[in-house]
Amino acid sequence: MFEKRTGLRAWYDRFAAFDVAQLFSRTKKIGPPRKVFVNEELPQDYYDHKGRVKKEHVYVSNQVITSKL
């Protein structure tokens, strides 16, 4: 089938396939829009059978966590 390329030929193939637009394209798929409930009960379909909020309704915070070394 295909032979594995090594050395200079493999490096050149990777260099030729490089696309600058890839650096600026989105890497993650955009999730569903968020819903915020303030001073309201969550709908029943947001809970699993044990009463915990389902994972698809828990969103990652936008806060950037940094630290000094």
PDB file of N, CA and C in Angstrom:
ATOM      1  N   MET A   1       0.836  -1.181   0.000  1.00  0.00           N
ATOM      2  CA  MET A   1       0.000   0.000   0.000  1.00  0.00           C
ATOM      3  C   MET A   1       0.882   1.246   0.000  1.00  0.00           C
ATOM      4  N   PHE A   2       0.855   1.944   1.135  1.00  0.00           N
ATOM      5  CA  PHE A   2       1.656   3.157   1.252  1.00  0.00           C
ATOM      6  C   PHE A   2       2.879   2.869   2.100  1.00  0.00           C
ATOM      7  N   GLU A   3       3.995   3.389   1.676  1.00  0.00           N
ATOM      8  CA  GLU A   3       5.187   3.222   2.490  1.00  0.00           C
ATOM      9  C   GLU A   3       5.288   4.381   3.477  1.00  0.00           C
ATOM     10  N   LYS A   4       5.800   4.111   4.639  1.00  0.00           N
ATOM     11  CA  LYS A   4       5.952   5.141   5.661  1.00  0.00           C
ATOM     12  C   LYS A   4       7.127   6.034   5.284  1.00  0.00           C
ATOM     13  N   ARG A   5       6.865   7.322   5.265  1.00  0.00           N
ATOM     14  CA  ARG A   5       7.916   8.265   4.885  1.00  0.00           C
ATOM     15  C   ARG A   5       8.663   8.706   6.130  1.00  0.00           C
ATOM     16  N   THR A   6       9.953   8.779   6.013  1.00  0.00           N
ATOM     17  CA  THR A   6      10.777   9.168   7.149  1.00  0.00           C
ATOM     18  C   THR A   6      11.743  10.258   6.719  1.00  0.00           C
ATOM     19  N   GLY A   7      12.308  10.890   7.716  1.00  0.00           N
ATOM     20  CA  GLY A   7      13.366  11.855   7.464  1.00  0.00           C
ATOM     21  C   GLY A   7      12.896  13.112   6.770  1.00  0.00           C
ATOM     22  N   LEU A   8      13.691  13.555   5.818  1.00  0.00           N
ATOM     23  CA  LEU A   8      13.454  14.812   5.120  1.00  0.00           C
ATOM     24  C   LEU A   8      12.143  14.783   4.327  1.00  0.00           C
ATOM     25  N   ARG A   9      11.821  13.665   3.733  1.00  0.00           N
ATOM     26  CA  ARG A   9      10.589  13.553   2.939  1.00  0.00           C
ATOM     27  C   ARG A   9       9.354  13.733   3.832  1.00  0.00           C
ATOM     28  N   ALA A  10       9.344  13.137   5.002  1.00  0.00           N
ATOM     29  CA  ALA A  10       8.217  13.281   5.925  1.00  0.00           C
ATOM     30  C   ALA A  10       8.112  14.724   6.406  1.00  0.00           C
ATOM     31  N   TRP A  11       9.236  15.346   6.707  1.00  0.00           N
ATOM     32  CA  TRP A  11       9.230  16.745   7.145  1.00  0.00           C
ATOM     33  C   TRP A  11       8.681  17.644   6.047  1.00  0.00           C
ATOM     34  N   TYR A  12       9.114  17.413   4.807  1.00  0.00           N
ATOM     35  CA  TYR A  12       8.639  18.221   3.684  1.00  0.00           C
ATOM     36  C   TYR A  12       7.134  18.035   3.471  1.00  0.00           C
ATOM     37  N   ASP A  13       6.635  16.817   3.589  1.00  0.00           N
ATOM     38  CA  ASP A  13       5.198  16.567   3.421  1.00  0.00           C
ATOM     39  C   ASP A  13       4.387  17.314   4.469  1.00  0.00           C
ATOM     40  N   ARG A  14       4.856  17.315   5.717  1.00  0.00           N
ATOM     41  CA  ARG A  14       4.155  18.058   6.773  1.00  0.00           C
ATOM     42  C   ARG A  14       4.208  19.554   6.504  1.00  0.00           C
ATOM     43  N   PHE A  15       5.336  20.054   6.048  1.00  0.00           N
ATOM     44  CA  PHE A  15       5.481  21.476   5.742  1.00  0.00           C
ATOM     45  C   PHE A  15       4.578  21.882   4.579  1.00  0.00           C
ATOM     46  N   ALA A  16       4.495  21.056   3.554  1.00  0.00           N
ATOM     47  CA  ALA A  16       3.666  21.364   2.388  1.00  0.00           C
ATOM     48  C   ALA A  16       2.180  21.329   2.737  1.00  0.00           C
ATOM     49  N   ALA A  17       1.789  20.509   3.703  1.00  0.00           N
ATOM     50  CA  ALA A  17       0.383  20.392   4.084  1.00  0.00           C
ATOM     51  C   ALA A  17      -0.026  21.441   5.113  1.00  0.00           C
ATOM     52  N   PHE A  18       0.911  22.239   5.609  1.00  0.00           N
ATOM     53  CA  PHE A  18       0.616  23.240   6.631  1.00  0.00           C
ATOM     54  C   PHE A  18      -0.323  24.303   6.081  1.00  0.00           C
ATOM     55  N   ASP A  19      -1.342  24.665   6.871  1.00  0.00           N
ATOM     56  CA  ASP A  19      -2.326  25.661   6.456  1.00  0.00           C
ATOM     57  C   ASP A  19      -2.410  26.731   7.537  1.00  0.00           C
ATOM     58  N   VAL A  20      -2.116  27.972   7.178  1.00  0.00           N
ATOM     59  CA  VAL A  20      -2.131  29.077   8.137  1.00  0.00           C
ATOM     60  C   VAL A  20      -3.541  29.297   8.682  1.00  0.00           C
ATOM     61  N   ALA A  21      -4.556  29.081   7.880  1.00  0.00           N
ATOM     62  CA  ALA A  21      -5.941  29.288   8.318  1.00  0.00           C
ATOM     63  C   ALA A  21      -6.302  28.369   9.481  1.00  0.00           C
ATOM     64  N   GLN A  22      -5.635  27.233   9.605  1.00  0.00           N
ATOM     65  CA  GLN A  22      -5.894  26.314  10.719  1.00  0.00           C
ATOM     66  C   GLN A  22      -5.549  26.944  12.061  1.00  0.00           C
ATOM     67  N   LEU A  23      -4.600  27.858  12.084  1.00  0.00           N
ATOM     68  CA  LEU A  23      -4.207  28.503  13.331  1.00  0.00           C
ATOM     69  C   LEU A  23      -5.327  29.365  13.891  1.00  0.00           C
ATOM     70  N   PHE A  24      -6.183  29.900  13.034  1.00  0.00           N
ATOM     71  CA  PHE A  24      -7.219  30.824  13.454  1.00  0.00           C
ATOM     72  C   PHE A  24      -8.615  30.215  13.435  1.00  0.00           C
ATOM     73  N   SER A  25      -8.738  28.961  13.089  1.00  0.00           N
ATOM     74  CA  SER A  25     -10.053  28.334  13.055  1.00  0.00           C
ATOM     75  C   SER A  25     -10.415  27.813  14.441  1.00  0.00           C
ATOM     76  N   ARG A  26     -11.717  27.660  14.671  1.00  0.00           N
ATOM     77  CA  ARG A  26     -12.186  27.144  15.954  1.00  0.00           C
ATOM     78  C   ARG A  26     -11.831  25.669  16.068  1.00  0.00           C
ATOM     79  N   THR A  27     -11.387  25.279  17.249  1.00  0.00           N
ATOM     80  CA  THR A  27     -11.038  23.885  17.461  1.00  0.00           C
ATOM     81  C   THR A  27     -12.161  23.127  18.151  1.00  0.00           C
ATOM     82  N   LYS A  28     -12.975  23.822  18.935  1.00  0.00           N
ATOM     83  CA  LYS A  28     -14.055  23.169  19.653  1.00  0.00           C
ATOM     84  C   LYS A  28     -15.395  23.508  19.016  1.00  0.00           C
ATOM     85  N   LYS A  29     -16.287  22.545  19.059  1.00  0.00           N
ATOM     86  CA  LYS A  29     -17.622  22.778  18.551  1.00  0.00           C
ATOM     87  C   LYS A  29     -18.393  23.620  19.562  1.00  0.00           C
ATOM     88  N   ILE A  30     -19.155  24.565  19.071  1.00  0.00           N
ATOM     89  CA  ILE A  30     -19.932  25.426  19.949  1.00  0.00           C
ATOM     90  C   ILE A  30     -21.099  24.629  20.509  1.00  0.00           C
ATOM     91  N   GLY A  31     -21.280  24.699  21.811  1.00  0.00           N
ATOM     92  CA  GLY A  31     -22.338  23.957  22.470  1.00  0.00           C
ATOM     93  C   GLY A  31     -23.683  24.638  22.359  1.00  0.00           C
ATOM     94  N   PRO A  32     -24.672  24.070  23.008  1.00  0.00           N
ATOM     95  CA  PRO A  32     -26.011  24.659  22.957  1.00  0.00           C
ATOM     96  C   PRO A  32     -26.049  25.977  23.723  1.00  0.00           C
ATOM     97  N   PRO A  33     -27.014  26.849  23.409  1.00  0.00           N
ATOM     98  CA  PRO A  33     -27.113  28.107  24.144  1.00  0.00           C
ATOM     99  C   PRO A  33     -27.442  27.852  25.611  1.00  0.00           C
ATOM    100  N   ARG A  34     -26.944  28.711  26.473  1.00  0.00           N
ATOM    101  CA  ARG A  34     -27.154  28.547  27.904  1.00  0.00           C
ATOM    102  C   ARG A  34     -28.465  29.175  28.327  1.00  0.00           C
ATOM    103  N   LYS A  35     -29.072  28.572  29.334  1.00  0.00           N
ATOM    104  CA  LYS A  35     -30.272  29.140  29.945  1.00  0.00           C
ATOM    105  C   LYS A  35     -29.933  29.423  31.395  1.00  0.00           C
ATOM    106  N   VAL A  36     -30.291  30.603  31.861  1.00  0.00           N
ATOM    107  CA  VAL A  36     -30.001  30.998  33.234  1.00  0.00           C
ATOM    108  C   VAL A  36     -31.316  31.127  33.979  1.00  0.00           C
ATOM    109  N   PHE A  37     -31.417  30.438  35.113  1.00  0.00           N
ATOM    110  CA  PHE A  37     -32.600  30.512  35.958  1.00  0.00           C
ATOM    111  C   PHE A  37     -32.212  31.247  37.232  1.00  0.00           C
ATOM    112  N   VAL A  38     -32.786  32.427  37.444  1.00  0.00           N
ATOM    113  CA  VAL A  38     -32.499  33.225  38.629  1.00  0.00           C
ATOM    114  C   VAL A  38     -33.750  33.238  39.493  1.00  0.00           C
ATOM    115  N   ASN A  39     -33.605  32.808  40.744  1.00  0.00           N
ATOM    116  CA  ASN A  39     -34.711  32.748  41.699  1.00  0.00           C
ATOM    117  C   ASN A  39     -35.892  31.947  41.162  1.00  0.00           C
ATOM    118  N   GLU A  40     -35.614  30.896  40.412  1.00  0.00           N
ATOM    119  CA  GLU A  40     -36.644  30.003  39.891  1.00  0.00           C
ATOM    120  C   GLU A  40     -36.185  28.572  40.101  1.00  0.00           C
ATOM    121  N   GLU A  41     -37.136  27.677  40.178  1.00  0.00           N
ATOM    122  CA  GLU A  41     -36.819  26.252  40.255  1.00  0.00           C
ATOM    123  C   GLU A  41     -36.431  25.752  38.863  1.00  0.00           C
ATOM    124  N   LEU A  42     -35.529  24.789  38.823  1.00  0.00           N
ATOM    125  CA  LEU A  42     -35.177  24.179  37.545  1.00  0.00           C
ATOM    126  C   LEU A  42     -36.309  23.259  37.101  1.00  0.00           C
ATOM    127  N   PRO A  43     -36.516  23.117  35.792  1.00  0.00           N
ATOM    128  CA  PRO A  43     -37.531  22.175  35.313  1.00  0.00           C
ATOM    129  C   PRO A  43     -37.176  20.747  35.729  1.00  0.00           C
ATOM    130  N   GLN A  44     -38.175  19.895  35.850  1.00  0.00           N
ATOM    131  CA  GLN A  44     -37.955  18.522  36.315  1.00  0.00           C
ATOM    132  C   GLN A  44     -37.069  17.720  35.363  1.00  0.00           C
ATOM    133  N   ASP A  45     -37.104  18.011  34.064  1.00  0.00           N
ATOM    134  CA  ASP A  45     -36.279  17.247  33.129  1.00  0.00           C
ATOM    135  C   ASP A  45     -34.795  17.609  33.213  1.00  0.00           C
ATOM    136  N   TYR A  46     -34.426  18.584  34.031  1.00  0.00           N
ATOM    137  CA  TYR A  46     -33.024  18.926  34.260  1.00  0.00           C
ATOM    138  C   TYR A  46     -32.386  17.997  35.296  1.00  0.00           C
ATOM    139  N   TYR A  47     -33.175  17.220  36.010  1.00  0.00           N
ATOM    140  CA  TYR A  47     -32.685  16.350  37.078  1.00  0.00           C
ATOM    141  C   TYR A  47     -32.681  14.898  36.630  1.00  0.00           C
ATOM    142  N   ASP A  48     -31.714  14.110  37.158  1.00  0.00           N
ATOM    143  CA  ASP A  48     -31.708  12.672  36.914  1.00  0.00           C
ATOM    144  C   ASP A  48     -32.557  11.977  37.972  1.00  0.00           C
ATOM    145  N   HIS A  49     -32.541  10.654  37.971  1.00  0.00           N
ATOM    146  CA  HIS A  49     -33.395   9.904  38.897  1.00  0.00           C
ATOM    147  C   HIS A  49     -32.958  10.035  40.356  1.00  0.00           C
ATOM    148  N   LYS A  50     -31.720  10.468  40.602  1.00  0.00           N
ATOM    149  CA  LYS A  50     -31.250  10.663  41.979  1.00  0.00           C
ATOM    150  C   LYS A  50     -31.415  12.104  42.450  1.00  0.00           C
ATOM    151  N   GLY A  51     -31.963  12.972  41.605  1.00  0.00           N
ATOM    152  CA  GLY A  51     -32.191  14.353  42.000  1.00  0.00           C
ATOM    153  C   GLY A  51     -31.031  15.289  41.718  1.00  0.00           C
ATOM    154  N   ARG A  52     -30.008  14.803  41.031  1.00  0.00           N
ATOM    155  CA  ARG A  52     -28.870  15.656  40.679  1.00  0.00           C
ATOM    156  C   ARG A  52     -29.095  16.278  39.306  1.00  0.00           C
ATOM    157  N   VAL A  53     -28.496  17.435  39.081  1.00  0.00           N
ATOM    158  CA  VAL A  53     -28.623  18.103  37.788  1.00  0.00           C
ATOM    159  C   VAL A  53     -27.850  17.299  36.746  1.00  0.00           C
ATOM    160  N   LYS A  54     -28.455  17.069  35.580  1.00  0.00           N
ATOM    161  CA  LYS A  54     -27.820  16.293  34.513  1.00  0.00           C
ATOM    162  C   LYS A  54     -26.611  17.044  33.960  1.00  0.00           C
ATOM    163  N   LYS A  55     -25.636  16.281  33.469  1.00  0.00           N
ATOM    164  CA  LYS A  55     -24.391  16.874  32.974  1.00  0.00           C
ATOM    165  C   LYS A  55     -24.613  17.781  31.775  1.00  0.00           C
ATOM    166  N   GLU A  56     -25.606  17.493  30.944  1.00  0.00           N
ATOM    167  CA  GLU A  56     -25.819  18.337  29.768  1.00  0.00           C
ATOM    168  C   GLU A  56     -26.381  19.703  30.124  1.00  0.00           C
ATOM    169  N   HIS A  57     -26.778  19.882  31.398  1.00  0.00           N
ATOM    170  CA  HIS A  57     -27.305  21.168  31.848  1.00  0.00           C
ATOM    171  C   HIS A  57     -26.344  21.897  32.780  1.00  0.00           C
ATOM    172  N   VAL A  58     -25.133  21.374  32.954  1.00  0.00           N
ATOM    173  CA  VAL A  58     -24.101  22.033  33.756  1.00  0.00           C
ATOM    174  C   VAL A  58     -23.051  22.548  32.778  1.00  0.00           C
ATOM    175  N   TYR A  59     -22.771  23.835  32.837  1.00  0.00           N
ATOM    176  CA  TYR A  59     -21.866  24.456  31.879  1.00  0.00           C
ATOM    177  C   TYR A  59     -20.546  24.822  32.551  1.00  0.00           C
ATOM    178  N   VAL A  60     -19.494  24.834  31.758  1.00  0.00           N
ATOM    179  CA  VAL A  60     -18.179  25.232  32.231  1.00  0.00           C
ATOM    180  C   VAL A  60     -18.178  26.748  32.382  1.00  0.00           C
ATOM    181  N   SER A  61     -17.576  27.230  33.455  1.00  0.00           N
ATOM    182  CA  SER A  61     -17.526  28.680  33.645  1.00  0.00           C
ATOM    183  C   SER A  61     -16.566  29.299  32.638  1.00  0.00           C
ATOM    184  N   ASN A  62     -16.774  30.555  32.348  1.00  0.00           N
ATOM    185  CA  ASN A  62     -15.897  31.268  31.419  1.00  0.00           C
ATOM    186  C   ASN A  62     -14.700  31.882  32.134  1.00  0.00           C
ATOM    187  N   GLN A  63     -14.599  31.648  33.425  1.00  0.00           N
ATOM    188  CA  GLN A  63     -13.530  32.239  34.208  1.00  0.00           C
ATOM    189  C   GLN A  63     -12.197  31.595  33.847  1.00  0.00           C
ATOM    190  N   VAL A  64     -11.201  32.415  33.627  1.00  0.00           N
ATOM    191  CA  VAL A  64      -9.861  31.932  33.338  1.00  0.00           C
ATOM    192  C   VAL A  64      -9.116  31.825  34.656  1.00  0.00           C
ATOM    193  N   ILE A  65      -8.610  30.649  34.954  1.00  0.00           N
ATOM    194  CA  ILE A  65      -7.904  30.424  36.211  1.00  0.00           C
ATOM    195  C   ILE A  65      -6.410  30.528  35.942  1.00  0.00           C
ATOM    196  N   THR A  66      -5.753  31.442  36.643  1.00  0.00           N
ATOM    197  CA  THR A  66      -4.317  31.627  36.480  1.00  0.00           C
ATOM    198  C   THR A  66      -3.649  31.558  37.844  1.00  0.00           C
ATOM    199  N   SER A  67      -2.367  31.385  37.834  1.00  0.00           N
ATOM    200  CA  SER A  67      -1.624  31.370  39.095  1.00  0.00           C
ATOM    201  C   SER A  67      -0.214  31.881  38.844  1.00  0.00           C
ATOM    202  N   LYS A  68       0.373  32.416  39.895  1.00  0.00           N
ATOM    203  CA  LYS A  68       1.766  32.843  39.816  1.00  0.00           C
ATOM    204  C   LYS A  68       2.637  31.733  40.367  1.00  0.00           C
ATOM    205  N   LEU A  69       3.764  31.567  39.775  1.00  0.00           N
ATOM    206  CA  LEU A  69       4.703  30.552  40.269  1.00  0.00           C
ATOM    207  C   LEU A  69       5.750  31.161  41.138  1.00  0.00           C
TER     208      LEU A  69
END
